[in-house]
């Protein structure tokens, strides 16, 4: 799966679709440390 950057402004809501290329645990996150501190980071699992 190739990475994608989706710019957002404060208070915005965005929906995006991902197509994982293999079963795994995948990480979504922001590169801004304060965003990670605000829990804008997580994992999702794709199973066979």
N, C-alpha and C. Protein backbone atom coordinates (compact mmCIF):
# COMPACT_ATOMS: atom_id res chain seq x y z
N UNK A 1 0.86 -1.17 0.00
CA UNK A 1 0.00 0.00 0.00
C UNK A 1 0.90 1.22 0.00
N UNK A 2 0.61 2.16 -0.84
CA UNK A 2 1.42 3.36 -0.93
C UNK A 2 0.84 4.44 -0.02
N UNK A 3 1.72 5.19 0.62
CA UNK A 3 1.29 6.25 1.53
C UNK A 3 0.63 7.40 0.80
N UNK A 4 -0.26 8.06 1.49
CA UNK A 4 -0.97 9.21 0.95
C UNK A 4 -1.04 10.27 2.03
N UNK A 5 -0.87 11.50 1.65
CA UNK A 5 -1.01 12.61 2.58
C UNK A 5 -2.32 13.32 2.28
N UNK A 6 -3.12 13.53 3.32
CA UNK A 6 -4.39 14.21 3.18
C UNK A 6 -4.36 15.44 4.09
N UNK A 7 -4.20 16.64 3.53
CA UNK A 7 -4.15 17.83 4.38
C UNK A 7 -5.54 18.14 4.94
N UNK A 8 -5.59 18.50 6.21
CA UNK A 8 -6.84 18.85 6.87
C UNK A 8 -6.67 20.16 7.62
N UNK A 9 -7.75 20.87 7.79
CA UNK A 9 -7.74 22.05 8.65
C UNK A 9 -8.42 21.68 9.95
N UNK A 10 -8.18 22.46 10.99
CA UNK A 10 -8.75 22.17 12.30
C UNK A 10 -10.27 22.04 12.21
N UNK A 11 -10.78 20.98 12.80
CA UNK A 11 -12.21 20.73 12.83
C UNK A 11 -12.75 20.03 11.59
N UNK A 12 -11.89 19.78 10.62
CA UNK A 12 -12.34 19.13 9.38
C UNK A 12 -12.53 17.63 9.60
N UNK A 13 -13.37 17.05 8.80
CA UNK A 13 -13.60 15.61 8.80
C UNK A 13 -13.38 15.12 7.38
N UNK A 14 -12.63 14.06 7.25
CA UNK A 14 -12.32 13.53 5.92
C UNK A 14 -12.51 12.02 5.95
N UNK A 15 -13.05 11.47 4.90
CA UNK A 15 -13.17 10.03 4.73
C UNK A 15 -12.22 9.61 3.62
N UNK A 16 -11.51 8.53 3.83
CA UNK A 16 -10.62 8.05 2.79
C UNK A 16 -10.70 6.54 2.72
N UNK A 17 -10.37 6.00 1.57
CA UNK A 17 -10.43 4.57 1.32
C UNK A 17 -9.01 4.07 1.10
N UNK A 18 -8.68 2.97 1.76
CA UNK A 18 -7.38 2.35 1.57
C UNK A 18 -7.58 0.95 1.02
N UNK A 19 -6.62 0.49 0.24
CA UNK A 19 -6.64 -0.86 -0.30
C UNK A 19 -5.33 -1.54 0.09
N UNK A 20 -5.32 -2.20 1.25
CA UNK A 20 -4.09 -2.87 1.69
C UNK A 20 -3.68 -3.96 0.70
N UNK A 21 -2.37 -4.12 0.52
CA UNK A 21 -1.90 -5.12 -0.43
C UNK A 21 -1.56 -6.45 0.22
N UNK A 22 -1.72 -6.54 1.55
CA UNK A 22 -1.48 -7.81 2.24
C UNK A 22 -2.09 -7.74 3.63
N UNK A 23 -2.41 -8.90 4.23
CA UNK A 23 -2.88 -8.92 5.61
C UNK A 23 -1.77 -8.43 6.53
N UNK A 24 -2.11 -7.55 7.44
CA UNK A 24 -1.11 -7.01 8.37
C UNK A 24 -1.78 -6.04 9.32
N UNK A 25 -1.02 -5.57 10.29
CA UNK A 25 -1.43 -4.44 11.11
C UNK A 25 -0.89 -3.19 10.42
N UNK A 26 -1.75 -2.22 10.16
CA UNK A 26 -1.37 -1.01 9.46
C UNK A 26 -1.50 0.18 10.40
N UNK A 27 -0.62 1.13 10.24
CA UNK A 27 -0.57 2.32 11.09
C UNK A 27 -1.10 3.52 10.32
N UNK A 28 -1.95 4.31 10.97
CA UNK A 28 -2.29 5.62 10.42
C UNK A 28 -1.84 6.66 11.43
N UNK A 29 -1.35 7.79 10.94
CA UNK A 29 -0.77 8.76 11.86
C UNK A 29 -0.56 10.11 11.19
N UNK A 30 -0.26 11.08 12.03
CA UNK A 30 0.15 12.40 11.57
C UNK A 30 1.64 12.56 11.88
N UNK A 31 2.32 13.32 11.07
CA UNK A 31 3.74 13.58 11.31
C UNK A 31 3.95 14.72 12.30
N UNK A 32 2.88 15.29 12.82
CA UNK A 32 2.96 16.37 13.79
C UNK A 32 2.85 15.75 15.18
N UNK A 33 3.89 15.93 16.00
CA UNK A 33 3.95 15.27 17.31
C UNK A 33 2.74 15.61 18.17
N UNK A 34 2.30 16.86 18.17
CA UNK A 34 1.14 17.23 18.99
C UNK A 34 -0.12 16.50 18.54
N UNK A 35 -0.20 16.13 17.28
CA UNK A 35 -1.35 15.35 16.81
C UNK A 35 -1.31 13.94 17.41
N UNK A 36 -0.14 13.34 17.45
CA UNK A 36 -0.02 12.02 18.08
C UNK A 36 -0.40 12.12 19.55
N UNK A 37 0.02 13.19 20.20
CA UNK A 37 -0.34 13.40 21.61
C UNK A 37 -1.86 13.51 21.77
N UNK A 38 -2.55 14.00 20.74
CA UNK A 38 -4.00 14.14 20.76
C UNK A 38 -4.70 12.89 20.22
N UNK A 39 -3.96 11.78 20.15
CA UNK A 39 -4.47 10.47 19.73
C UNK A 39 -4.89 10.42 18.27
N UNK A 40 -4.25 11.22 17.42
CA UNK A 40 -4.49 11.14 15.97
C UNK A 40 -3.52 10.12 15.39
N UNK A 41 -3.56 8.93 15.96
CA UNK A 41 -2.67 7.84 15.55
C UNK A 41 -3.37 6.54 15.92
N UNK A 42 -3.18 5.51 15.16
CA UNK A 42 -3.80 4.24 15.51
C UNK A 42 -3.41 3.13 14.56
N UNK A 43 -3.92 1.96 14.85
CA UNK A 43 -3.67 0.76 14.05
C UNK A 43 -4.99 0.20 13.56
N UNK A 44 -4.95 -0.43 12.40
CA UNK A 44 -6.07 -1.26 11.98
C UNK A 44 -5.50 -2.55 11.43
N UNK A 45 -6.26 -3.62 11.56
CA UNK A 45 -5.79 -4.95 11.19
C UNK A 45 -6.57 -5.47 9.99
N UNK A 46 -5.84 -5.98 9.00
CA UNK A 46 -6.43 -6.65 7.85
C UNK A 46 -6.09 -8.13 7.98
N UNK A 47 -7.12 -8.97 7.96
CA UNK A 47 -6.92 -10.42 8.08
C UNK A 47 -7.32 -11.09 6.78
N UNK A 48 -6.75 -12.26 6.55
CA UNK A 48 -7.13 -13.04 5.35
C UNK A 48 -8.51 -13.61 5.52
